[in-house]
Structure formats: C-alpha cells, structure tokens
All heavy atoms as atom14 arrays in JSON, in Angstrom:
{
  "sequence": "DSEAALSGTNEKFRSRFHYVEQALQASGHTLEKATLDEMEALWQQAKN",
  "atom14_mask": [
    [1, 1, 1, 1, 1, 1, 1, 1, 0, 0, 0, 0, 0, 0],
    [1, 1, 1, 1, 1, 1, 0, 0, 0, 0, 0, 0, 0, 0],
    [1, 1, 1, 1, 1, 1, 1, 1, 1, 0, 0, 0, 0, 0],
    [1, 1, 1, 1, 1, 0, 0, 0, 0, 0, 0, 0, 0, 0],
    [1, 1, 1, 1, 1, 0, 0, 0, 0, 0, 0, 0, 0, 0],
    [1, 1, 1, 1, 1, 1, 1, 1, 0, 0, 0, 0, 0, 0],
    [1, 1, 1, 1, 1, 1, 0, 0, 0, 0, 0, 0, 0, 0],
    [1, 1, 1, 1, 0, 0, 0, 0, 0, 0, 0, 0, 0, 0],
    [1, 1, 1, 1, 1, 1, 1, 0, 0, 0, 0, 0, 0, 0],
    [1, 1, 1, 1, 1, 1, 1, 1, 0, 0, 0, 0, 0, 0],
    [1, 1, 1, 1, 1, 1, 1, 1, 1, 0, 0, 0, 0, 0],
    [1, 1, 1, 1, 1, 1, 1, 1, 1, 0, 0, 0, 0, 0],
    [1, 1, 1, 1, 1, 1, 1, 1, 1, 1, 1, 0, 0, 0],
    [1, 1, 1, 1, 1, 1, 1, 1, 1, 1, 1, 0, 0, 0],
    [1, 1, 1, 1, 1, 1, 0, 0, 0, 0, 0, 0, 0, 0],
    [1, 1, 1, 1, 1, 1, 1, 1, 1, 1, 1, 0, 0, 0],
    [1, 1, 1, 1, 1, 1, 1, 1, 1, 1, 1, 0, 0, 0],
    [1, 1, 1, 1, 1, 1, 1, 1, 1, 1, 0, 0, 0, 0],
    [1, 1, 1, 1, 1, 1, 1, 1, 1, 1, 1, 1, 0, 0],
    [1, 1, 1, 1, 1, 1, 1, 0, 0, 0, 0, 0, 0, 0],
    [1, 1, 1, 1, 1, 1, 1, 1, 1, 0, 0, 0, 0, 0],
    [1, 1, 1, 1, 1, 1, 1, 1, 1, 0, 0, 0, 0, 0],
    [1, 1, 1, 1, 1, 0, 0, 0, 0, 0, 0, 0, 0, 0],
    [1, 1, 1, 1, 1, 1, 1, 1, 0, 0, 0, 0, 0, 0],
    [1, 1, 1, 1, 1, 1, 1, 1, 1, 0, 0, 0, 0, 0],
    [1, 1, 1, 1, 1, 0, 0, 0, 0, 0, 0, 0, 0, 0],
    [1, 1, 1, 1, 1, 1, 0, 0, 0, 0, 0, 0, 0, 0],
    [1, 1, 1, 1, 0, 0, 0, 0, 0, 0, 0, 0, 0, 0],
    [1, 1, 1, 1, 1, 1, 1, 1, 1, 1, 0, 0, 0, 0],
    [1, 1, 1, 1, 1, 1, 1, 0, 0, 0, 0, 0, 0, 0],
    [1, 1, 1, 1, 1, 1, 1, 1, 0, 0, 0, 0, 0, 0],
    [1, 1, 1, 1, 1, 1, 1, 1, 1, 0, 0, 0, 0, 0],
    [1, 1, 1, 1, 1, 1, 1, 1, 1, 0, 0, 0, 0, 0],
    [1, 1, 1, 1, 1, 0, 0, 0, 0, 0, 0, 0, 0, 0],
    [1, 1, 1, 1, 1, 1, 1, 0, 0, 0, 0, 0, 0, 0],
    [1, 1, 1, 1, 1, 1, 1, 1, 0, 0, 0, 0, 0, 0],
    [1, 1, 1, 1, 1, 1, 1, 1, 0, 0, 0, 0, 0, 0],
    [1, 1, 1, 1, 1, 1, 1, 1, 1, 0, 0, 0, 0, 0],
    [1, 1, 1, 1, 1, 1, 1, 1, 0, 0, 0, 0, 0, 0],
    [1, 1, 1, 1, 1, 1, 1, 1, 1, 0, 0, 0, 0, 0],
    [1, 1, 1, 1, 1, 0, 0, 0, 0, 0, 0, 0, 0, 0],
    [1, 1, 1, 1, 1, 1, 1, 1, 0, 0, 0, 0, 0, 0],
    [1, 1, 1, 1, 1, 1, 1, 1, 1, 1, 1, 1, 1, 1],
    [1, 1, 1, 1, 1, 1, 1, 1, 1, 0, 0, 0, 0, 0],
    [1, 1, 1, 1, 1, 1, 1, 1, 1, 0, 0, 0, 0, 0],
    [1, 1, 1, 1, 1, 0, 0, 0, 0, 0, 0, 0, 0, 0],
    [1, 1, 1, 1, 1, 1, 1, 1, 1, 0, 0, 0, 0, 0],
    [1, 1, 1, 1, 1, 1, 1, 1, 0, 0, 0, 0, 0, 0]
  ],
  "atom14_positions": [
    [[0.84, -1.19, 0.0], [0.0, 0.0, 0.0], [0.88, 1.25, 0.0], [1.7, 1.44, 0.91], [-0.9, 0.0, 1.23], [-1.84, 1.2, 1.24], [-1.41, 2.27, 1.7], [-2.99, 1.05, 0.8], [0.0, 0.0, 0.0], [0.0, 0.0, 0.0], [0.0, 0.0, 0.0], [0.0, 0.0, 0.0], [0.0, 0.0, 0.0], [0.0, 0.0, 0.0]],
    [[0.74, 2.08, -1.02], [1.62, 3.24, -1.17], [1.5, 4.22, -0.01], [2.5, 4.75, 0.47], [1.31, 3.97, -2.49], [1.56, 3.12, -3.59], [0.0, 0.0, 0.0], [0.0, 0.0, 0.0], [0.0, 0.0, 0.0], [0.0, 0.0, 0.0], [0.0, 0.0, 0.0], [0.0, 0.0, 0.0], [0.0, 0.0, 0.0], [0.0, 0.0, 0.0]],
    [[0.27, 4.47, 0.44], [0.07, 5.38, 1.56], [0.77, 4.85, 2.81], [1.45, 5.58, 3.52], [-1.42, 5.56, 1.84], [-2.14, 6.48, 0.87], [-1.86, 7.95, 1.12], [-1.38, 8.3, 2.22], [-2.13, 8.76, 0.21], [0.0, 0.0, 0.0], [0.0, 0.0, 0.0], [0.0, 0.0, 0.0], [0.0, 0.0, 0.0], [0.0, 0.0, 0.0]],
    [[0.57, 3.56, 3.08], [1.17, 2.96, 4.27], [2.7, 2.95, 4.16], [3.41, 3.21, 5.15], [0.64, 1.55, 4.47], [0.0, 0.0, 0.0], [0.0, 0.0, 0.0], [0.0, 0.0, 0.0], [0.0, 0.0, 0.0], [0.0, 0.0, 0.0], [0.0, 0.0, 0.0], [0.0, 0.0, 0.0], [0.0, 0.0, 0.0], [0.0, 0.0, 0.0]],
    [[3.21, 2.63, 2.98], [4.66, 2.59, 2.79], [5.28, 3.96, 2.98], [6.31, 4.11, 3.65], [4.98, 2.05, 1.4], [0.0, 0.0, 0.0], [0.0, 0.0, 0.0], [0.0, 0.0, 0.0], [0.0, 0.0, 0.0], [0.0, 0.0, 0.0], [0.0, 0.0, 0.0], [0.0, 0.0, 0.0], [0.0, 0.0, 0.0], [0.0, 0.0, 0.0]],
    [[4.63, 4.98, 2.4], [5.17, 6.33, 2.53], [5.04, 6.84, 3.96], [5.92, 7.53, 4.46], [4.44, 7.28, 1.56], [4.97, 8.72, 1.52], [6.46, 8.75, 1.2], [4.18, 9.55, 0.51], [0.0, 0.0, 0.0], [0.0, 0.0, 0.0], [0.0, 0.0, 0.0], [0.0, 0.0, 0.0], [0.0, 0.0, 0.0], [0.0, 0.0, 0.0]],
    [[3.96, 6.46, 4.63], [3.79, 6.83, 6.03], [4.93, 6.25, 6.87], [5.47, 6.91, 7.76], [2.44, 6.34, 6.57], [1.37, 7.03, 5.96], [0.0, 0.0, 0.0], [0.0, 0.0, 0.0], [0.0, 0.0, 0.0], [0.0, 0.0, 0.0], [0.0, 0.0, 0.0], [0.0, 0.0, 0.0], [0.0, 0.0, 0.0], [0.0, 0.0, 0.0]],
    [[5.28, 5.0, 6.59], [6.38, 4.37, 7.3], [7.7, 5.08, 7.05], [8.5, 5.29, 7.98], [0.0, 0.0, 0.0], [0.0, 0.0, 0.0], [0.0, 0.0, 0.0], [0.0, 0.0, 0.0], [0.0, 0.0, 0.0], [0.0, 0.0, 0.0], [0.0, 0.0, 0.0], [0.0, 0.0, 0.0], [0.0, 0.0, 0.0], [0.0, 0.0, 0.0]],
    [[7.93, 5.46, 5.81], [9.16, 6.16, 5.47], [9.18, 7.56, 6.1], [10.23, 8.02, 6.56], [9.3, 6.28, 3.94], [9.41, 4.96, 3.39], [10.55, 7.07, 3.56], [0.0, 0.0, 0.0], [0.0, 0.0, 0.0], [0.0, 0.0, 0.0], [0.0, 0.0, 0.0], [0.0, 0.0, 0.0], [0.0, 0.0, 0.0], [0.0, 0.0, 0.0]],
    [[8.03, 8.22, 6.12], [7.94, 9.53, 6.78], [8.35, 9.44, 8.24], [9.11, 10.26, 8.75], [6.51, 10.07, 6.69], [6.14, 10.52, 5.3], [7.0, 10.75, 4.46], [4.85, 10.66, 5.05], [0.0, 0.0, 0.0], [0.0, 0.0, 0.0], [0.0, 0.0, 0.0], [0.0, 0.0, 0.0], [0.0, 0.0, 0.0], [0.0, 0.0, 0.0]],
    [[7.84, 8.41, 8.93], [8.15, 8.24, 10.35], [9.62, 7.88, 10.53], [10.27, 8.33, 11.48], [7.26, 7.16, 10.95], [7.51, 6.88, 12.43], [7.41, 8.12, 13.3], [6.69, 9.06, 12.93], [8.08, 8.15, 14.36], [0.0, 0.0, 0.0], [0.0, 0.0, 0.0], [0.0, 0.0, 0.0], [0.0, 0.0, 0.0], [0.0, 0.0, 0.0]],
    [[10.16, 7.08, 9.62], [11.58, 6.72, 9.69], [12.45, 7.96, 9.53], [13.44, 8.14, 10.26], [11.9, 5.69, 8.6], [13.35, 5.22, 8.59], [13.52, 4.01, 7.68], [13.14, 4.31, 6.25], [13.36, 3.16, 5.35], [0.0, 0.0, 0.0], [0.0, 0.0, 0.0], [0.0, 0.0, 0.0], [0.0, 0.0, 0.0], [0.0, 0.0, 0.0]],
    [[12.06, 8.82, 8.58], [12.81, 10.06, 8.37], [12.74, 10.95, 9.61], [13.75, 11.5, 10.06], [12.25, 10.8, 7.16], [12.95, 12.1, 6.85], [14.08, 12.12, 6.05], [12.49, 13.31, 7.37], [14.75, 13.32, 5.78], [13.14, 14.5, 7.11], [14.28, 14.51, 6.31], [0.0, 0.0, 0.0], [0.0, 0.0, 0.0], [0.0, 0.0, 0.0]],
    [[11.53, 11.07, 10.18], [11.36, 11.9, 11.37], [12.22, 11.39, 12.52], [12.88, 12.17, 13.22], [9.88, 11.91, 11.8], [9.58, 12.85, 12.97], [8.42, 12.36, 13.8], [8.67, 11.06, 14.4], [9.43, 10.89, 15.48], [10.0, 11.91, 16.09], [9.62, 9.66, 15.97], [0.0, 0.0, 0.0], [0.0, 0.0, 0.0], [0.0, 0.0, 0.0]],
    [[12.2, 10.07, 12.71], [12.94, 9.47, 13.82], [14.45, 9.68, 13.66], [15.15, 10.03, 14.62], [12.62, 7.98, 13.89], [13.36, 7.35, 14.91], [0.0, 0.0, 0.0], [0.0, 0.0, 0.0], [0.0, 0.0, 0.0], [0.0, 0.0, 0.0], [0.0, 0.0, 0.0], [0.0, 0.0, 0.0], [0.0, 0.0, 0.0], [0.0, 0.0, 0.0]],
    [[14.95, 9.48, 12.45], [16.39, 9.65, 12.21], [16.81, 11.11, 12.34], [17.89, 11.41, 12.86], [16.76, 9.1, 10.84], [16.69, 7.58, 10.75], [16.98, 7.08, 9.35], [16.93, 5.61, 9.3], [17.03, 4.91, 8.19], [17.2, 5.53, 7.02], [16.98, 3.59, 8.22], [0.0, 0.0, 0.0], [0.0, 0.0, 0.0], [0.0, 0.0, 0.0]],
    [[15.96, 12.01, 11.86], [16.29, 13.42, 11.97], [16.29, 13.87, 13.43], [17.11, 14.69, 13.84], [15.29, 14.26, 11.16], [15.75, 15.67, 10.91], [16.62, 15.96, 9.88], [15.34, 16.71, 11.74], [17.08, 17.26, 9.66], [15.78, 18.01, 11.53], [16.65, 18.28, 10.49], [0.0, 0.0, 0.0], [0.0, 0.0, 0.0], [0.0, 0.0, 0.0]],
    [[15.39, 13.28, 14.21], [15.35, 13.59, 15.65], [16.63, 13.09, 16.32], [17.13, 13.74, 17.25], [14.12, 12.95, 16.29], [13.92, 13.33, 17.72], [13.83, 14.63, 18.15], [13.81, 12.57, 18.84], [13.66, 14.67, 19.46], [13.66, 13.43, 19.91], [0.0, 0.0, 0.0], [0.0, 0.0, 0.0], [0.0, 0.0, 0.0], [0.0, 0.0, 0.0]],
    [[17.14, 11.96, 15.87], [18.41, 11.44, 16.38], [19.51, 12.46, 16.12], [20.34, 12.75, 17.01], [18.74, 10.11, 15.71], [20.06, 9.5, 16.12], [20.1, 8.52, 17.11], [21.25, 9.89, 15.53], [21.32, 7.95, 17.49], [22.47, 9.34, 15.9], [22.49, 8.36, 16.88], [23.7, 7.8, 17.26], [0.0, 0.0, 0.0], [0.0, 0.0, 0.0]],
    [[19.54, 13.0, 14.9], [20.54, 14.01, 14.54], [20.41, 15.23, 15.44], [21.4, 15.75, 15.97], [20.39, 14.42, 13.06], [21.28, 15.61, 12.72], [20.69, 13.25, 12.14], [0.0, 0.0, 0.0], [0.0, 0.0, 0.0], [0.0, 0.0, 0.0], [0.0, 0.0, 0.0], [0.0, 0.0, 0.0], [0.0, 0.0, 0.0], [0.0, 0.0, 0.0]],
    [[19.18, 15.66, 15.65], [18.91, 16.83, 16.48], [19.39, 16.6, 17.91], [20.06, 17.47, 18.51], [17.41, 17.12, 16.47], [16.98, 18.32, 17.28], [15.47, 18.51, 17.25], [14.76, 17.54, 16.9], [15.01, 19.61, 17.59], [0.0, 0.0, 0.0], [0.0, 0.0, 0.0], [0.0, 0.0, 0.0], [0.0, 0.0, 0.0], [0.0, 0.0, 0.0]],
    [[19.06, 15.43, 18.47], [19.46, 15.14, 19.85], [20.98, 15.03, 19.98], [21.57, 15.48, 20.97], [18.8, 13.84, 20.32], [17.3, 13.96, 20.58], [16.72, 12.67, 21.11], [16.97, 11.59, 20.56], [15.93, 12.75, 22.17], [0.0, 0.0, 0.0], [0.0, 0.0, 0.0], [0.0, 0.0, 0.0], [0.0, 0.0, 0.0], [0.0, 0.0, 0.0]],
    [[21.61, 14.41, 18.99], [23.07, 14.25, 19.04], [23.76, 15.61, 18.98], [24.76, 15.84, 19.68], [23.53, 13.37, 17.88], [0.0, 0.0, 0.0], [0.0, 0.0, 0.0], [0.0, 0.0, 0.0], [0.0, 0.0, 0.0], [0.0, 0.0, 0.0], [0.0, 0.0, 0.0], [0.0, 0.0, 0.0], [0.0, 0.0, 0.0], [0.0, 0.0, 0.0]],
    [[23.24, 16.51, 18.17], [23.81, 17.85, 18.1], [23.63, 18.6, 19.41], [24.55, 19.27, 19.91], [23.16, 18.64, 16.96], [23.58, 18.24, 15.53], [22.68, 18.9, 14.51], [25.04, 18.6, 15.28], [0.0, 0.0, 0.0], [0.0, 0.0, 0.0], [0.0, 0.0, 0.0], [0.0, 0.0, 0.0], [0.0, 0.0, 0.0], [0.0, 0.0, 0.0]],
    [[22.44, 18.48, 20.0], [22.19, 19.14, 21.28], [23.12, 18.61, 22.37], [23.6, 19.38, 23.2], [20.73, 18.95, 21.67], [19.74, 19.74, 20.82], [18.3, 19.45, 21.19], [18.0, 18.5, 21.91], [17.38, 20.26, 20.67], [0.0, 0.0, 0.0], [0.0, 0.0, 0.0], [0.0, 0.0, 0.0], [0.0, 0.0, 0.0], [0.0, 0.0, 0.0]],
    [[23.36, 17.3, 22.35], [24.23, 16.69, 23.37], [25.67, 17.2, 23.27], [26.39, 17.23, 24.28], [24.2, 15.18, 23.22], [0.0, 0.0, 0.0], [0.0, 0.0, 0.0], [0.0, 0.0, 0.0], [0.0, 0.0, 0.0], [0.0, 0.0, 0.0], [0.0, 0.0, 0.0], [0.0, 0.0, 0.0], [0.0, 0.0, 0.0], [0.0, 0.0, 0.0]],
    [[26.07, 17.61, 22.07], [27.43, 18.12, 21.87], [27.49, 19.64, 21.89], [28.51, 20.24, 21.55], [28.01, 17.61, 20.55], [27.21, 18.06, 19.45], [0.0, 0.0, 0.0], [0.0, 0.0, 0.0], [0.0, 0.0, 0.0], [0.0, 0.0, 0.0], [0.0, 0.0, 0.0], [0.0, 0.0, 0.0], [0.0, 0.0, 0.0], [0.0, 0.0, 0.0]],
    [[26.35, 20.26, 22.27], [26.33, 21.71, 22.39], [26.12, 22.44, 21.08], [26.39, 23.65, 20.99], [0.0, 0.0, 0.0], [0.0, 0.0, 0.0], [0.0, 0.0, 0.0], [0.0, 0.0, 0.0], [0.0, 0.0, 0.0], [0.0, 0.0, 0.0], [0.0, 0.0, 0.0], [0.0, 0.0, 0.0], [0.0, 0.0, 0.0], [0.0, 0.0, 0.0]],
    [[25.64, 21.75, 20.06], [25.4, 22.36, 18.76], [23.88, 22.44, 18.49], [23.09, 21.86, 19.22], [26.09, 21.58, 17.65], [27.57, 21.63, 17.71], [28.31, 20.89, 18.61], [28.48, 22.34, 16.98], [29.6, 21.12, 18.44], [29.74, 22.01, 17.45], [0.0, 0.0, 0.0], [0.0, 0.0, 0.0], [0.0, 0.0, 0.0], [0.0, 0.0, 0.0]],
    [[23.54, 23.14, 17.43], [22.14, 23.23, 17.01], [22.02, 22.86, 15.54], [23.02, 22.87, 14.8], [21.59, 24.67, 17.19], [22.32, 25.56, 16.32], [21.72, 25.13, 18.64], [0.0, 0.0, 0.0], [0.0, 0.0, 0.0], [0.0, 0.0, 0.0], [0.0, 0.0, 0.0], [0.0, 0.0, 0.0], [0.0, 0.0, 0.0], [0.0, 0.0, 0.0]],
    [[20.8, 22.54, 15.13], [20.56, 22.22, 13.72], [20.93, 23.39, 12.81], [21.49, 23.2, 11.73], [19.07, 21.89, 13.52], [18.58, 20.54, 14.06], [17.06, 20.48, 14.02], [19.18, 19.39, 13.25], [0.0, 0.0, 0.0], [0.0, 0.0, 0.0], [0.0, 0.0, 0.0], [0.0, 0.0, 0.0], [0.0, 0.0, 0.0], [0.0, 0.0, 0.0]],
    [[20.62, 24.6, 13.27], [20.85, 25.78, 12.45], [22.34, 26.03, 12.17], [22.71, 26.52, 11.1], [20.24, 27.02, 13.11], [18.71, 27.04, 13.16], [18.14, 26.12, 14.22], [18.91, 25.64, 15.08], [16.92, 25.87, 14.17], [0.0, 0.0, 0.0], [0.0, 0.0, 0.0], [0.0, 0.0, 0.0], [0.0, 0.0, 0.0], [0.0, 0.0, 0.0]],
    [[23.21, 25.68, 13.16], [24.64, 25.97, 13.02], [25.45, 24.78, 12.53], [26.64, 24.92, 12.22], [25.18, 26.47, 14.35], [24.6, 27.82, 14.77], [25.22, 28.32, 16.05], [24.67, 29.69, 16.44], [25.26, 30.21, 17.7], [0.0, 0.0, 0.0], [0.0, 0.0, 0.0], [0.0, 0.0, 0.0], [0.0, 0.0, 0.0], [0.0, 0.0, 0.0]],
    [[24.84, 23.61, 12.49], [25.58, 22.41, 12.05], [25.79, 22.44, 10.55], [24.96, 22.96, 9.78], [24.8, 21.16, 12.44], [0.0, 0.0, 0.0], [0.0, 0.0, 0.0], [0.0, 0.0, 0.0], [0.0, 0.0, 0.0], [0.0, 0.0, 0.0], [0.0, 0.0, 0.0], [0.0, 0.0, 0.0], [0.0, 0.0, 0.0], [0.0, 0.0, 0.0]],
    [[26.91, 21.89, 10.1], [27.17, 21.79, 8.66], [26.46, 20.56, 8.1], [26.07, 19.64, 8.84], [28.67, 21.67, 8.38], [29.14, 20.41, 8.91], [29.44, 22.82, 9.02], [0.0, 0.0, 0.0], [0.0, 0.0, 0.0], [0.0, 0.0, 0.0], [0.0, 0.0, 0.0], [0.0, 0.0, 0.0], [0.0, 0.0, 0.0], [0.0, 0.0, 0.0]],
    [[26.3, 20.54, 6.8], [25.67, 19.39, 6.15], [26.48, 18.12, 6.39], [25.9, 17.04, 6.6], [25.52, 19.64, 4.65], [24.88, 18.52, 3.83], [23.48, 18.2, 4.37], [24.82, 18.89, 2.35], [0.0, 0.0, 0.0], [0.0, 0.0, 0.0], [0.0, 0.0, 0.0], [0.0, 0.0, 0.0], [0.0, 0.0, 0.0], [0.0, 0.0, 0.0]],
    [[27.8, 18.23, 6.37], [28.65, 17.06, 6.6], [28.44, 16.51, 8.01], [28.41, 15.28, 8.22], [30.13, 17.43, 6.41], [30.49, 17.61, 4.94], [29.72, 17.13, 4.09], [31.53, 18.24, 4.66], [0.0, 0.0, 0.0], [0.0, 0.0, 0.0], [0.0, 0.0, 0.0], [0.0, 0.0, 0.0], [0.0, 0.0, 0.0], [0.0, 0.0, 0.0]],
    [[28.32, 17.41, 8.99], [28.09, 16.97, 10.37], [26.75, 16.25, 10.49], [26.65, 15.19, 11.14], [28.11, 18.18, 11.32], [29.5, 18.78, 11.52], [29.46, 20.06, 12.33], [28.43, 20.79, 12.25], [30.44, 20.36, 13.04], [0.0, 0.0, 0.0], [0.0, 0.0, 0.0], [0.0, 0.0, 0.0], [0.0, 0.0, 0.0], [0.0, 0.0, 0.0]],
    [[25.72, 16.84, 9.88], [24.4, 16.21, 9.94], [24.38, 14.88, 9.2], [23.75, 13.92, 9.64], [23.33, 17.16, 9.38], [23.04, 18.33, 10.29], [21.57, 19.28, 9.81], [22.23, 20.18, 8.4], [0.0, 0.0, 0.0], [0.0, 0.0, 0.0], [0.0, 0.0, 0.0], [0.0, 0.0, 0.0], [0.0, 0.0, 0.0], [0.0, 0.0, 0.0]],
    [[25.1, 14.79, 8.08], [25.14, 13.54, 7.31], [25.82, 12.43, 8.11], [25.39, 11.27, 8.08], [25.86, 13.76, 5.99], [26.06, 12.5, 5.14], [24.75, 11.83, 4.73], [23.71, 12.53, 4.66], [24.76, 10.6, 4.5], [0.0, 0.0, 0.0], [0.0, 0.0, 0.0], [0.0, 0.0, 0.0], [0.0, 0.0, 0.0], [0.0, 0.0, 0.0]],
    [[26.9, 12.78, 8.83], [27.61, 11.78, 9.64], [26.69, 11.24, 10.73], [26.64, 10.03, 10.99], [28.86, 12.4, 10.25], [0.0, 0.0, 0.0], [0.0, 0.0, 0.0], [0.0, 0.0, 0.0], [0.0, 0.0, 0.0], [0.0, 0.0, 0.0], [0.0, 0.0, 0.0], [0.0, 0.0, 0.0], [0.0, 0.0, 0.0], [0.0, 0.0, 0.0]],
    [[25.94, 12.14, 11.37], [25.0, 11.72, 12.41], [23.84, 10.93, 11.81], [23.31, 10.01, 12.44], [24.49, 12.93, 13.18], [25.54, 13.64, 14.05], [24.99, 14.96, 14.58], [25.97, 12.73, 15.2], [0.0, 0.0, 0.0], [0.0, 0.0, 0.0], [0.0, 0.0, 0.0], [0.0, 0.0, 0.0], [0.0, 0.0, 0.0], [0.0, 0.0, 0.0]],
    [[23.45, 11.3, 10.59], [22.38, 10.57, 9.9], [22.79, 9.11, 9.68], [21.97, 8.2, 9.88], [22.06, 11.25, 8.57], [20.95, 10.59, 7.8], [21.07, 9.6, 6.87], [19.55, 10.86, 7.92], [19.84, 9.24, 6.38], [18.88, 10.0, 7.01], [18.81, 11.75, 8.69], [17.49, 10.0, 6.86], [17.42, 11.76, 8.54], [16.79, 10.89, 7.63]],
    [[24.03, 8.91, 9.29], [24.5, 7.54, 9.08], [24.54, 6.78, 10.39], [24.26, 5.56, 10.44], [25.89, 7.57, 8.44], [25.92, 8.13, 7.02], [25.01, 7.36, 6.06], [24.9, 6.12, 6.14], [24.34, 8.08, 5.18], [0.0, 0.0, 0.0], [0.0, 0.0, 0.0], [0.0, 0.0, 0.0], [0.0, 0.0, 0.0], [0.0, 0.0, 0.0]],
    [[24.85, 7.47, 11.49], [24.81, 6.84, 12.81], [23.38, 6.41, 13.14], [23.16, 5.32, 13.68], [25.31, 7.81, 13.89], [26.8, 8.07, 13.87], [27.21, 9.02, 14.99], [26.52, 9.14, 15.99], [28.34, 9.68, 14.81], [0.0, 0.0, 0.0], [0.0, 0.0, 0.0], [0.0, 0.0, 0.0], [0.0, 0.0, 0.0], [0.0, 0.0, 0.0]],
    [[22.45, 7.28, 12.82], [21.03, 6.98, 13.09], [20.59, 5.75, 12.3], [19.85, 4.89, 12.82], [20.16, 8.18, 12.73], [0.0, 0.0, 0.0], [0.0, 0.0, 0.0], [0.0, 0.0, 0.0], [0.0, 0.0, 0.0], [0.0, 0.0, 0.0], [0.0, 0.0, 0.0], [0.0, 0.0, 0.0], [0.0, 0.0, 0.0], [0.0, 0.0, 0.0]],
    [[21.03, 5.64, 11.06], [20.67, 4.48, 10.23], [21.25, 3.2, 10.82], [20.6, 2.15, 10.81], [21.2, 4.67, 8.8], [20.44, 5.7, 8.0], [21.01, 5.84, 6.59], [20.84, 4.57, 5.79], [21.33, 4.75, 4.39], [0.0, 0.0, 0.0], [0.0, 0.0, 0.0], [0.0, 0.0, 0.0], [0.0, 0.0, 0.0], [0.0, 0.0, 0.0]],
    [[22.48, 3.28, 11.32], [23.12, 2.09, 11.87], [22.64, 1.73, 13.27], [22.87, 0.63, 13.76], [24.64, 2.28, 11.89], [25.22, 2.42, 10.49], [24.71, 1.81, 9.55], [26.29, 3.2, 10.36], [0.0, 0.0, 0.0], [0.0, 0.0, 0.0], [0.0, 0.0, 0.0], [0.0, 0.0, 0.0], [0.0, 0.0, 0.0], [0.0, 0.0, 0.0]]
  ]
}
C-alpha cells in the first residue's frame, strides 16, 4: 500500500532526523549551526 509505505518512510525520516537533532544538542550544537557534513555523519549513525 503506497500510503502505508510512505507513512512508514515519513516516520523513519522523522525518527532519524530527531536522532541528529538530539546528538547535536548533546554536543552543544544546534541544527541551524551544524554543517551538512556533520548532519550527514550523524544521519549515518542513526541508520546504523
């Protein structure tokens, strides 16, 4: 079901992005000031 599949992916994206957000906060950084490379590295951590 396309709706269900996309809903699952939406939630997966939200959850991983929240991981990035929390990891940045824990290191004293914010989403607004983080570089794309920093966020991508944390994104890969979230996936793993």
